Protein backbone atom coordinates (compact mmCIF):
# COMPACT_ATOMS: atom_id res chain seq x y z
CA UNK A 1 0.00 0.00 0.00
CA UNK A 2 1.33 3.44 -0.84
CA UNK A 3 2.12 5.76 2.11
CA UNK A 4 -0.72 8.21 1.42
CA UNK A 5 -3.36 5.49 1.55
CA UNK A 6 -1.74 3.95 4.63
CA UNK A 7 -1.95 7.32 6.39
CA UNK A 8 -5.54 7.85 5.23
CA UNK A 9 -6.49 4.41 6.61
CA UNK A 10 -4.85 5.25 9.93
CA UNK A 11 -6.84 8.49 10.16
CA UNK A 12 -10.09 6.58 9.52
CA UNK A 13 -9.19 3.87 12.04
CA UNK A 14 -8.46 6.54 14.68
CA UNK A 15 -12.08 7.71 14.59
CA UNK A 16 -13.51 4.21 14.30
CA UNK A 17 -11.56 2.91 17.28
CA UNK A 18 -12.62 5.86 19.44
CA UNK A 19 -16.26 5.53 18.36
CA UNK A 20 -16.19 1.79 19.10
CA UNK A 21 -14.44 2.36 22.46
CA UNK A 22 -11.77 -0.08 21.24
CA UNK A 23 -8.89 0.81 23.55
CA UNK A 24 -6.56 -1.97 22.37
CA UNK A 25 -7.20 -1.14 18.71
CA UNK A 26 -6.66 2.56 19.41
CA UNK A 27 -3.35 1.89 21.16
CA UNK A 28 -2.26 -0.32 18.26
CA UNK A 29 -2.21 2.82 16.09
CA UNK A 30 0.70 4.14 18.18
CA UNK A 31 4.24 3.02 18.87
CA UNK A 32 4.80 2.25 22.57
CA UNK A 33 6.88 5.44 22.96
CA UNK A 34 4.58 7.68 20.87
CA UNK A 35 3.61 11.20 21.84
CA UNK A 36 -0.09 11.94 21.26
CA UNK A 37 -0.83 15.66 21.28
CA UNK A 38 -4.44 16.69 21.95
CA UNK A 39 -6.02 19.82 23.38
CA UNK A 40 -2.66 21.35 24.22
CA UNK A 41 -1.53 18.29 26.15
CA UNK A 42 1.17 15.75 25.31
CA UNK A 43 0.21 12.19 26.23
CA UNK A 44 3.37 10.11 26.49
CA UNK A 45 3.52 6.46 25.48
CA UNK A 46 0.76 3.91 25.75
CA UNK A 47 0.31 4.73 29.44
CA UNK A 48 -0.32 8.42 28.80
CA UNK A 49 -2.49 7.75 25.75
CA UNK A 50 -4.57 5.24 27.74
CA UNK A 51 -5.14 7.77 30.51
CA UNK A 52 -6.17 10.43 27.97
CA UNK A 53 -8.56 8.28 25.93
CA UNK A 54 -10.24 6.58 28.89
CA UNK A 55 -10.83 10.04 30.35
CA UNK A 56 -12.19 11.25 27.01
CA UNK A 57 -14.64 8.37 26.44
CA UNK A 58 -17.28 9.72 28.87
CA UNK A 59 -17.06 13.23 27.35
CA UNK A 60 -17.41 11.93 23.80
CA UNK A 61 -20.85 10.49 24.44
CA UNK A 62 -22.56 9.01 21.40
CA UNK A 63 -20.96 11.14 18.69
CA UNK A 64 -19.41 9.47 15.66
CA UNK A 65 -16.33 10.69 13.81
CA UNK A 66 -16.79 11.69 10.19
CA UNK A 67 -13.47 12.40 8.50
CA UNK A 68 -13.57 14.55 5.37
CA UNK A 69 -10.95 16.15 3.20
CA UNK A 70 -7.68 14.74 4.50
CA UNK A 71 -4.64 16.53 3.13
CA UNK A 72 -1.57 14.30 3.32
CA UNK A 73 1.98 15.26 2.40
CA UNK A 74 4.81 12.73 2.47
CA UNK A 75 7.99 14.72 3.04
CA UNK A 76 10.96 14.54 0.67
CA UNK A 77 12.93 12.34 3.12
CA UNK A 78 10.28 9.65 2.64
CA UNK A 79 10.23 8.77 6.34
CA UNK A 80 7.91 11.47 7.70
CA UNK A 81 4.59 12.94 6.67
CA UNK A 82 2.04 15.54 7.71
CA UNK A 83 -1.73 15.28 7.55
CA UNK A 84 -4.73 17.42 8.40
CA UNK A 85 -8.37 16.41 8.24
CA UNK A 86 -11.77 17.98 8.69
PDB file of N, CA and C in Angstrom:
ATOM      1  N   UNK A   1       0.854  -1.177   0.000  1.00  0.00           N
ATOM      2  CA  UNK A   1       0.000   0.000   0.000  1.00  0.00           C
ATOM      3  C   UNK A   1       0.897   1.236   0.000  1.00  0.00           C
ATOM      4  N   UNK A   2       0.521   2.224  -0.783  1.00  0.00           N
ATOM      5  CA  UNK A   2       1.330   3.442  -0.838  1.00  0.00           C
ATOM      6  C   UNK A   2       1.169   4.227   0.472  1.00  0.00           C
ATOM      7  N   UNK A   3       2.141   5.074   0.823  1.00  0.00           N
ATOM      8  CA  UNK A   3       2.121   5.760   2.114  1.00  0.00           C
ATOM      9  C   UNK A   3       0.901   6.661   2.309  1.00  0.00           C
ATOM     10  N   UNK A   4       0.427   7.317   1.268  1.00  0.00           N
ATOM     11  CA  UNK A   4      -0.719   8.214   1.424  1.00  0.00           C
ATOM     12  C   UNK A   4      -1.963   7.421   1.825  1.00  0.00           C
ATOM     13  N   UNK A   5      -2.212   6.307   1.176  1.00  0.00           N
ATOM     14  CA  UNK A   5      -3.363   5.489   1.549  1.00  0.00           C
ATOM     15  C   UNK A   5      -3.194   4.864   2.925  1.00  0.00           C
ATOM     16  N   UNK A   6      -1.986   4.492   3.291  1.00  0.00           N
ATOM     17  CA  UNK A   6      -1.739   3.950   4.631  1.00  0.00           C
ATOM     18  C   UNK A   6      -2.057   5.001   5.694  1.00  0.00           C
ATOM     19  N   UNK A   7      -1.661   6.236   5.446  1.00  0.00           N
ATOM     20  CA  UNK A   7      -1.953   7.316   6.395  1.00  0.00           C
ATOM     21  C   UNK A   7      -3.447   7.580   6.438  1.00  0.00           C
ATOM     22  N   UNK A   8      -4.089   7.622   5.287  1.00  0.00           N
ATOM     23  CA  UNK A   8      -5.537   7.850   5.227  1.00  0.00           C
ATOM     24  C   UNK A   8      -6.283   6.761   6.012  1.00  0.00           C
ATOM     25  N   UNK A   9      -5.861   5.509   5.857  1.00  0.00           N
ATOM     26  CA  UNK A   9      -6.487   4.415   6.608  1.00  0.00           C
ATOM     27  C   UNK A   9      -6.282   4.571   8.110  1.00  0.00           C
ATOM     28  N   UNK A  10      -5.109   5.035   8.501  1.00  0.00           N
ATOM     29  CA  UNK A  10      -4.846   5.250   9.927  1.00  0.00           C
ATOM     30  C   UNK A  10      -5.753   6.335  10.482  1.00  0.00           C
ATOM     31  N   UNK A  11      -5.954   7.412   9.727  1.00  0.00           N
ATOM     32  CA  UNK A  11      -6.844   8.494  10.162  1.00  0.00           C
ATOM     33  C   UNK A  11      -8.262   7.954  10.351  1.00  0.00           C
ATOM     34  N   UNK A  12      -8.737   7.154   9.415  1.00  0.00           N
ATOM     35  CA  UNK A  12     -10.087   6.582   9.520  1.00  0.00           C
ATOM     36  C   UNK A  12     -10.177   5.656  10.726  1.00  0.00           C
ATOM     37  N   UNK A  13      -9.174   4.811  10.905  1.00  0.00           N
ATOM     38  CA  UNK A  13      -9.187   3.872  12.039  1.00  0.00           C
ATOM     39  C   UNK A  13      -9.183   4.602  13.380  1.00  0.00           C
ATOM     40  N   UNK A  14      -8.493   5.736  13.447  1.00  0.00           N
ATOM     41  CA  UNK A  14      -8.460   6.542  14.676  1.00  0.00           C
ATOM     42  C   UNK A  14      -9.892   6.837  15.127  1.00  0.00           C
ATOM     43  N   UNK A  15     -10.692   7.384  14.236  1.00  0.00           N
ATOM     44  CA  UNK A  15     -12.076   7.707  14.589  1.00  0.00           C
ATOM     45  C   UNK A  15     -12.901   6.476  14.884  1.00  0.00           C
ATOM     46  N   UNK A  16     -12.739   5.436  14.082  1.00  0.00           N
ATOM     47  CA  UNK A  16     -13.509   4.213  14.300  1.00  0.00           C
ATOM     48  C   UNK A  16     -13.210   3.587  15.654  1.00  0.00           C
ATOM     49  N   UNK A  17     -11.941   3.542  16.011  1.00  0.00           N
ATOM     50  CA  UNK A  17     -11.557   2.912  17.283  1.00  0.00           C
ATOM     51  C   UNK A  17     -12.066   3.712  18.478  1.00  0.00           C
ATOM     52  N   UNK A  18     -12.049   5.042  18.366  1.00  0.00           N
ATOM     53  CA  UNK A  18     -12.619   5.862  19.440  1.00  0.00           C
ATOM     54  C   UNK A  18     -14.117   5.620  19.518  1.00  0.00           C
ATOM     55  N   UNK A  19     -14.801   5.688  18.375  1.00  0.00           N
ATOM     56  CA  UNK A  19     -16.257   5.532  18.360  1.00  0.00           C
ATOM     57  C   UNK A  19     -16.690   4.177  18.892  1.00  0.00           C
ATOM     58  N   UNK A  20     -15.882   3.139  18.632  1.00  0.00           N
ATOM     59  CA  UNK A  20     -16.192   1.785  19.096  1.00  0.00           C
ATOM     60  C   UNK A  20     -15.695   1.516  20.513  1.00  0.00           C
ATOM     61  N   UNK A  21     -15.038   2.504  21.119  1.00  0.00           N
ATOM     62  CA  UNK A  21     -14.436   2.357  22.459  1.00  0.00           C
ATOM     63  C   UNK A  21     -13.479   1.169  22.490  1.00  0.00           C
ATOM     64  N   UNK A  22     -12.725   1.017  21.405  1.00  0.00           N
ATOM     65  CA  UNK A  22     -11.771  -0.082  21.240  1.00  0.00           C
ATOM     66  C   UNK A  22     -10.392   0.395  21.694  1.00  0.00           C
ATOM     67  N   UNK A  23     -10.139   0.310  22.987  1.00  0.00           N
ATOM     68  CA  UNK A  23      -8.890   0.808  23.553  1.00  0.00           C
ATOM     69  C   UNK A  23      -7.681   0.098  22.968  1.00  0.00           C
ATOM     70  N   UNK A  24      -7.714  -1.229  22.896  1.00  0.00           N
ATOM     71  CA  UNK A  24      -6.562  -1.970  22.371  1.00  0.00           C
ATOM     72  C   UNK A  24      -6.306  -1.620  20.905  1.00  0.00           C
ATOM     73  N   UNK A  25      -7.360  -1.519  20.108  1.00  0.00           N
ATOM     74  CA  UNK A  25      -7.203  -1.141  18.714  1.00  0.00           C
ATOM     75  C   UNK A  25      -6.682   0.274  18.565  1.00  0.00           C
ATOM     76  N   UNK A  26      -7.133   1.170  19.442  1.00  0.00           N
ATOM     77  CA  UNK A  26      -6.662   2.555  19.414  1.00  0.00           C
ATOM     78  C   UNK A  26      -5.178   2.605  19.741  1.00  0.00           C
ATOM     79  N   UNK A  27      -4.767   1.901  20.782  1.00  0.00           N
ATOM     80  CA  UNK A  27      -3.353   1.892  21.164  1.00  0.00           C
ATOM     81  C   UNK A  27      -2.482   1.274  20.073  1.00  0.00           C
ATOM     82  N   UNK A  28      -3.028   0.329  19.319  1.00  0.00           N
ATOM     83  CA  UNK A  28      -2.261  -0.323  18.258  1.00  0.00           C
ATOM     84  C   UNK A  28      -1.887   0.656  17.138  1.00  0.00           C
ATOM     85  N   UNK A  29      -2.547   1.809  17.090  1.00  0.00           N
ATOM     86  CA  UNK A  29      -2.213   2.824  16.095  1.00  0.00           C
ATOM     87  C   UNK A  29      -0.935   3.570  16.451  1.00  0.00           C
ATOM     88  N   UNK A  30      -0.442   3.384  17.668  1.00  0.00           N
ATOM     89  CA  UNK A  30       0.699   4.143  18.179  1.00  0.00           C
ATOM     90  C   UNK A  30       1.848   3.231  18.576  1.00  0.00           C
ATOM     91  N   UNK A  31       3.063   3.703  18.346  1.00  0.00           N
ATOM     92  CA  UNK A  31       4.244   3.022  18.874  1.00  0.00           C
ATOM     93  C   UNK A  31       4.222   3.139  20.397  1.00  0.00           C
ATOM     94  N   UNK A  32       4.819   2.196  21.103  1.00  0.00           N
ATOM     95  CA  UNK A  32       4.803   2.247  22.566  1.00  0.00           C
ATOM     96  C   UNK A  32       5.368   3.540  23.149  1.00  0.00           C
ATOM     97  N   UNK A  33       6.283   4.207  22.436  1.00  0.00           N
ATOM     98  CA  UNK A  33       6.878   5.437  22.956  1.00  0.00           C
ATOM     99  C   UNK A  33       6.342   6.689  22.238  1.00  0.00           C
ATOM    100  N   UNK A  34       5.171   6.566  21.629  1.00  0.00           N
ATOM    101  CA  UNK A  34       4.584   7.680  20.874  1.00  0.00           C
ATOM    102  C   UNK A  34       4.224   8.849  21.783  1.00  0.00           C
ATOM    103  N   UNK A  35       4.130  10.013  21.172  1.00  0.00           N
ATOM    104  CA  UNK A  35       3.608  11.201  21.844  1.00  0.00           C
ATOM    105  C   UNK A  35       2.332  11.583  21.103  1.00  0.00           C
ATOM    106  N   UNK A  36       1.214  11.567  21.816  1.00  0.00           N
ATOM    107  CA  UNK A  36      -0.087  11.938  21.260  1.00  0.00           C
ATOM    108  C   UNK A  36      -0.407  13.331  21.790  1.00  0.00           C
ATOM    109  N   UNK A  37      -0.566  14.278  20.878  1.00  0.00           N
ATOM    110  CA  UNK A  37      -0.833  15.658  21.277  1.00  0.00           C
ATOM    111  C   UNK A  37      -2.306  15.962  21.032  1.00  0.00           C
ATOM    112  N   UNK A  38      -3.018  16.353  22.077  1.00  0.00           N
ATOM    113  CA  UNK A  38      -4.441  16.689  21.951  1.00  0.00           C
ATOM    114  C   UNK A  38      -4.801  17.755  22.966  1.00  0.00           C
ATOM    115  N   UNK A  39      -5.524  18.759  22.498  1.00  0.00           N
ATOM    116  CA  UNK A  39      -6.024  19.819  23.380  1.00  0.00           C
ATOM    117  C   UNK A  39      -4.918  20.465  24.194  1.00  0.00           C
ATOM    118  N   UNK A  40      -3.769  20.694  23.557  1.00  0.00           N
ATOM    119  CA  UNK A  40      -2.655  21.354  24.223  1.00  0.00           C
ATOM    120  C   UNK A  40      -1.907  20.489  25.215  1.00  0.00           C
ATOM    121  N   UNK A  41      -2.146  19.206  25.190  1.00  0.00           N
ATOM    122  CA  UNK A  41      -1.534  18.289  26.152  1.00  0.00           C
ATOM    123  C   UNK A  41      -0.779  17.197  25.404  1.00  0.00           C
ATOM    124  N   UNK A  42       0.426  16.879  25.849  1.00  0.00           N
ATOM    125  CA  UNK A  42       1.174  15.750  25.315  1.00  0.00           C
ATOM    126  C   UNK A  42       0.907  14.525  26.178  1.00  0.00           C
ATOM    127  N   UNK A  43       0.475  13.460  25.547  1.00  0.00           N
ATOM    128  CA  UNK A  43       0.209  12.191  26.228  1.00  0.00           C
ATOM    129  C   UNK A  43       1.315  11.238  25.811  1.00  0.00           C
ATOM    130  N   UNK A  44       2.132  10.829  26.776  1.00  0.00           N
ATOM    131  CA  UNK A  44       3.375  10.110  26.491  1.00  0.00           C
ATOM    132  C   UNK A  44       3.202   8.601  26.590  1.00  0.00           C
ATOM    133  N   UNK A  45       3.533   7.919  25.507  1.00  0.00           N
ATOM    134  CA  UNK A  45       3.519   6.463  25.483  1.00  0.00           C
ATOM    135  C   UNK A  45       2.130   5.885  25.655  1.00  0.00           C
ATOM    136  N   UNK A  46       2.054   4.573  25.615  1.00  0.00           N
ATOM    137  CA  UNK A  46       0.760   3.912  25.746  1.00  0.00           C
ATOM    138  C   UNK A  46       0.093   4.233  27.082  1.00  0.00           C
ATOM    139  N   UNK A  47       0.882   4.411  28.125  1.00  0.00           N
ATOM    140  CA  UNK A  47       0.306   4.727  29.438  1.00  0.00           C
ATOM    141  C   UNK A  47      -0.394   6.087  29.403  1.00  0.00           C
ATOM    142  N   UNK A  48       0.265   7.086  28.874  1.00  0.00           N
ATOM    143  CA  UNK A  48      -0.323   8.417  28.799  1.00  0.00           C
ATOM    144  C   UNK A  48      -1.503   8.478  27.850  1.00  0.00           C
ATOM    145  N   UNK A  49      -1.395   7.773  26.726  1.00  0.00           N
ATOM    146  CA  UNK A  49      -2.488   7.748  25.754  1.00  0.00           C
ATOM    147  C   UNK A  49      -3.700   7.034  26.350  1.00  0.00           C
ATOM    148  N   UNK A  50      -3.476   5.953  27.083  1.00  0.00           N
ATOM    149  CA  UNK A  50      -4.573   5.240  27.742  1.00  0.00           C
ATOM    150  C   UNK A  50      -5.288   6.148  28.730  1.00  0.00           C
ATOM    151  N   UNK A  51      -4.523   6.864  29.533  1.00  0.00           N
ATOM    152  CA  UNK A  51      -5.140   7.775  30.512  1.00  0.00           C
ATOM    153  C   UNK A  51      -5.969   8.839  29.805  1.00  0.00           C
ATOM    154  N   UNK A  52      -5.447   9.388  28.696  1.00  0.00           N
ATOM    155  CA  UNK A  52      -6.171  10.426  27.969  1.00  0.00           C
ATOM    156  C   UNK A  52      -7.465   9.885  27.365  1.00  0.00           C
ATOM    157  N   UNK A  53      -7.383   8.762  26.654  1.00  0.00           N
ATOM    158  CA  UNK A  53      -8.560   8.277  25.932  1.00  0.00           C
ATOM    159  C   UNK A  53      -9.615   7.727  26.879  1.00  0.00           C
ATOM    160  N   UNK A  54      -9.228   7.075  27.952  1.00  0.00           N
ATOM    161  CA  UNK A  54     -10.244   6.578  28.888  1.00  0.00           C
ATOM    162  C   UNK A  54     -10.921   7.741  29.606  1.00  0.00           C
ATOM    163  N   UNK A  55     -10.205   8.832  29.804  1.00  0.00           N
ATOM    164  CA  UNK A  55     -10.830  10.036  30.354  1.00  0.00           C
ATOM    165  C   UNK A  55     -11.727  10.729  29.351  1.00  0.00           C
ATOM    166  N   UNK A  56     -11.409  10.589  28.065  1.00  0.00           N
ATOM    167  CA  UNK A  56     -12.195  11.246  27.007  1.00  0.00           C
ATOM    168  C   UNK A  56     -13.467  10.480  26.672  1.00  0.00           C
ATOM    169  N   UNK A  57     -13.466   9.169  26.820  1.00  0.00           N
ATOM    170  CA  UNK A  57     -14.637   8.375  26.436  1.00  0.00           C
ATOM    171  C   UNK A  57     -15.938   8.915  27.024  1.00  0.00           C
ATOM    172  N   UNK A  58     -16.007   9.210  28.324  1.00  0.00           N
ATOM    173  CA  UNK A  58     -17.277   9.718  28.870  1.00  0.00           C
ATOM    174  C   UNK A  58     -17.704  11.059  28.271  1.00  0.00           C
ATOM    175  N   UNK A  59     -16.737  11.912  27.928  1.00  0.00           N
ATOM    176  CA  UNK A  59     -17.063  13.226  27.354  1.00  0.00           C
ATOM    177  C   UNK A  59     -17.522  13.118  25.906  1.00  0.00           C
ATOM    178  N   UNK A  60     -17.081  12.090  25.213  1.00  0.00           N
ATOM    179  CA  UNK A  60     -17.414  11.932  23.797  1.00  0.00           C
ATOM    180  C   UNK A  60     -18.887  11.610  23.617  1.00  0.00           C
ATOM    181  N   UNK A  61     -19.443  10.858  24.547  1.00  0.00           N
ATOM    182  CA  UNK A  61     -20.848  10.492  24.436  1.00  0.00           C
ATOM    183  C   UNK A  61     -21.085   9.585  23.248  1.00  0.00           C
ATOM    184  N   UNK A  62     -22.156   9.873  22.511  1.00  0.00           N
ATOM    185  CA  UNK A  62     -22.557   9.011  21.402  1.00  0.00           C
ATOM    186  C   UNK A  62     -22.233   9.604  20.035  1.00  0.00           C
ATOM    187  N   UNK A  63     -21.314  10.569  19.991  1.00  0.00           N
ATOM    188  CA  UNK A  63     -20.956  11.140  18.691  1.00  0.00           C
ATOM    189  C   UNK A  63     -20.175  10.116  17.871  1.00  0.00           C
ATOM    190  N   UNK A  64     -20.182  10.311  16.570  1.00  0.00           N
ATOM    191  CA  UNK A  64     -19.408   9.474  15.662  1.00  0.00           C
ATOM    192  C   UNK A  64     -18.492  10.380  14.864  1.00  0.00           C
ATOM    193  N   UNK A  65     -17.286   9.926  14.618  1.00  0.00           N
ATOM    194  CA  UNK A  65     -16.333  10.692  13.813  1.00  0.00           C
ATOM    195  C   UNK A  65     -16.673  10.555  12.329  1.00  0.00           C
ATOM    196  N   UNK A  66     -16.636  11.658  11.630  1.00  0.00           N
ATOM    197  CA  UNK A  66     -16.788  11.693  10.190  1.00  0.00           C
ATOM    198  C   UNK A  66     -15.603  12.474   9.650  1.00  0.00           C
ATOM    199  N   UNK A  67     -14.697  11.777   8.977  1.00  0.00           N
ATOM    200  CA  UNK A  67     -13.471  12.401   8.498  1.00  0.00           C
ATOM    201  C   UNK A  67     -13.649  12.771   7.024  1.00  0.00           C
ATOM    202  N   UNK A  68     -13.438  14.049   6.739  1.00  0.00           N
ATOM    203  CA  UNK A  68     -13.569  14.550   5.365  1.00  0.00           C
ATOM    204  C   UNK A  68     -12.320  15.319   4.985  1.00  0.00           C
ATOM    205  N   UNK A  69     -11.980  15.282   3.740  1.00  0.00           N
ATOM    206  CA  UNK A  69     -10.951  16.149   3.199  1.00  0.00           C
ATOM    207  C   UNK A  69      -9.578  16.051   3.830  1.00  0.00           C
ATOM    208  N   UNK A  70      -9.039  14.862   3.973  1.00  0.00           N
ATOM    209  CA  UNK A  70      -7.679  14.739   4.503  1.00  0.00           C
ATOM    210  C   UNK A  70      -6.666  15.235   3.481  1.00  0.00           C
ATOM    211  N   UNK A  71      -5.759  16.056   3.945  1.00  0.00           N
ATOM    212  CA  UNK A  71      -4.643  16.530   3.131  1.00  0.00           C
ATOM    213  C   UNK A  71      -3.381  15.884   3.685  1.00  0.00           C
ATOM    214  N   UNK A  72      -2.718  15.082   2.871  1.00  0.00           N
ATOM    215  CA  UNK A  72      -1.570  14.298   3.323  1.00  0.00           C
ATOM    216  C   UNK A  72      -0.369  14.640   2.459  1.00  0.00           C
ATOM    217  N   UNK A  73       0.743  14.946   3.115  1.00  0.00           N
ATOM    218  CA  UNK A  73       1.983  15.261   2.402  1.00  0.00           C
ATOM    219  C   UNK A  73       3.100  14.382   2.952  1.00  0.00           C
ATOM    220  N   UNK A  74       3.642  13.523   2.102  1.00  0.00           N
ATOM    221  CA  UNK A  74       4.814  12.729   2.470  1.00  0.00           C
ATOM    222  C   UNK A  74       6.024  13.603   2.183  1.00  0.00           C
ATOM    223  N   UNK A  75       6.843  13.825   3.186  1.00  0.00           N
ATOM    224  CA  UNK A  75       7.993  14.722   3.040  1.00  0.00           C
ATOM    225  C   UNK A  75       9.080  14.098   2.173  1.00  0.00           C
ATOM    226  N   UNK A  76       9.933  14.952   1.636  1.00  0.00           N
ATOM    227  CA  UNK A  76      10.956  14.536   0.673  1.00  0.00           C
ATOM    228  C   UNK A  76      11.867  13.435   1.218  1.00  0.00           C
ATOM    229  N   UNK A  77      12.054  13.389   2.555  1.00  0.00           N
ATOM    230  CA  UNK A  77      12.929  12.343   3.117  1.00  0.00           C
ATOM    231  C   UNK A  77      12.287  10.967   3.046  1.00  0.00           C
ATOM    232  N   UNK A  78      10.978  10.924   2.788  1.00  0.00           N
ATOM    233  CA  UNK A  78      10.280   9.648   2.642  1.00  0.00           C
ATOM    234  C   UNK A  78      10.003   8.917   3.936  1.00  0.00           C
ATOM    235  N   UNK A  79      10.429   9.461   5.064  1.00  0.00           N
ATOM    236  CA  UNK A  79      10.228   8.774   6.341  1.00  0.00           C
ATOM    237  C   UNK A  79       9.274   9.512   7.271  1.00  0.00           C
ATOM    238  N   UNK A  80       8.863  10.712   6.893  1.00  0.00           N
ATOM    239  CA  UNK A  80       7.907  11.465   7.695  1.00  0.00           C
ATOM    240  C   UNK A  80       6.815  12.026   6.796  1.00  0.00           C
ATOM    241  N   UNK A  81       5.706  12.375   7.409  1.00  0.00           N
ATOM    242  CA  UNK A  81       4.589  12.941   6.668  1.00  0.00           C
ATOM    243  C   UNK A  81       3.801  13.848   7.586  1.00  0.00           C
ATOM    244  N   UNK A  82       2.960  14.673   6.974  1.00  0.00           N
ATOM    245  CA  UNK A  82       2.036  15.544   7.711  1.00  0.00           C
ATOM    246  C   UNK A  82       0.651  15.336   7.151  1.00  0.00           C
ATOM    247  N   UNK A  83      -0.349  15.426   8.010  1.00  0.00           N
ATOM    248  CA  UNK A  83      -1.727  15.280   7.554  1.00  0.00           C
ATOM    249  C   UNK A  83      -2.638  16.171   8.372  1.00  0.00           C
ATOM    250  N   UNK A  84      -3.645  16.707   7.726  1.00  0.00           N
ATOM    251  CA  UNK A  84      -4.728  17.418   8.403  1.00  0.00           C
ATOM    252  C   UNK A  84      -6.031  16.892   7.832  1.00  0.00           C
ATOM    253  N   UNK A  85      -7.057  16.897   8.676  1.00  0.00           N
ATOM    254  CA  UNK A  85      -8.373  16.408   8.243  1.00  0.00           C
ATOM    255  C   UNK A  85      -9.447  17.277   8.844  1.00  0.00           C
ATOM    256  N   UNK A  86     -10.576  17.328   8.155  1.00  0.00           N
ATOM    257  CA  UNK A  86     -11.772  17.979   8.690  1.00  0.00           C
ATOM    258  C   UNK A  86     -12.738  16.903   9.123  1.00  0.00           C
TER     259      UNK A  86
END
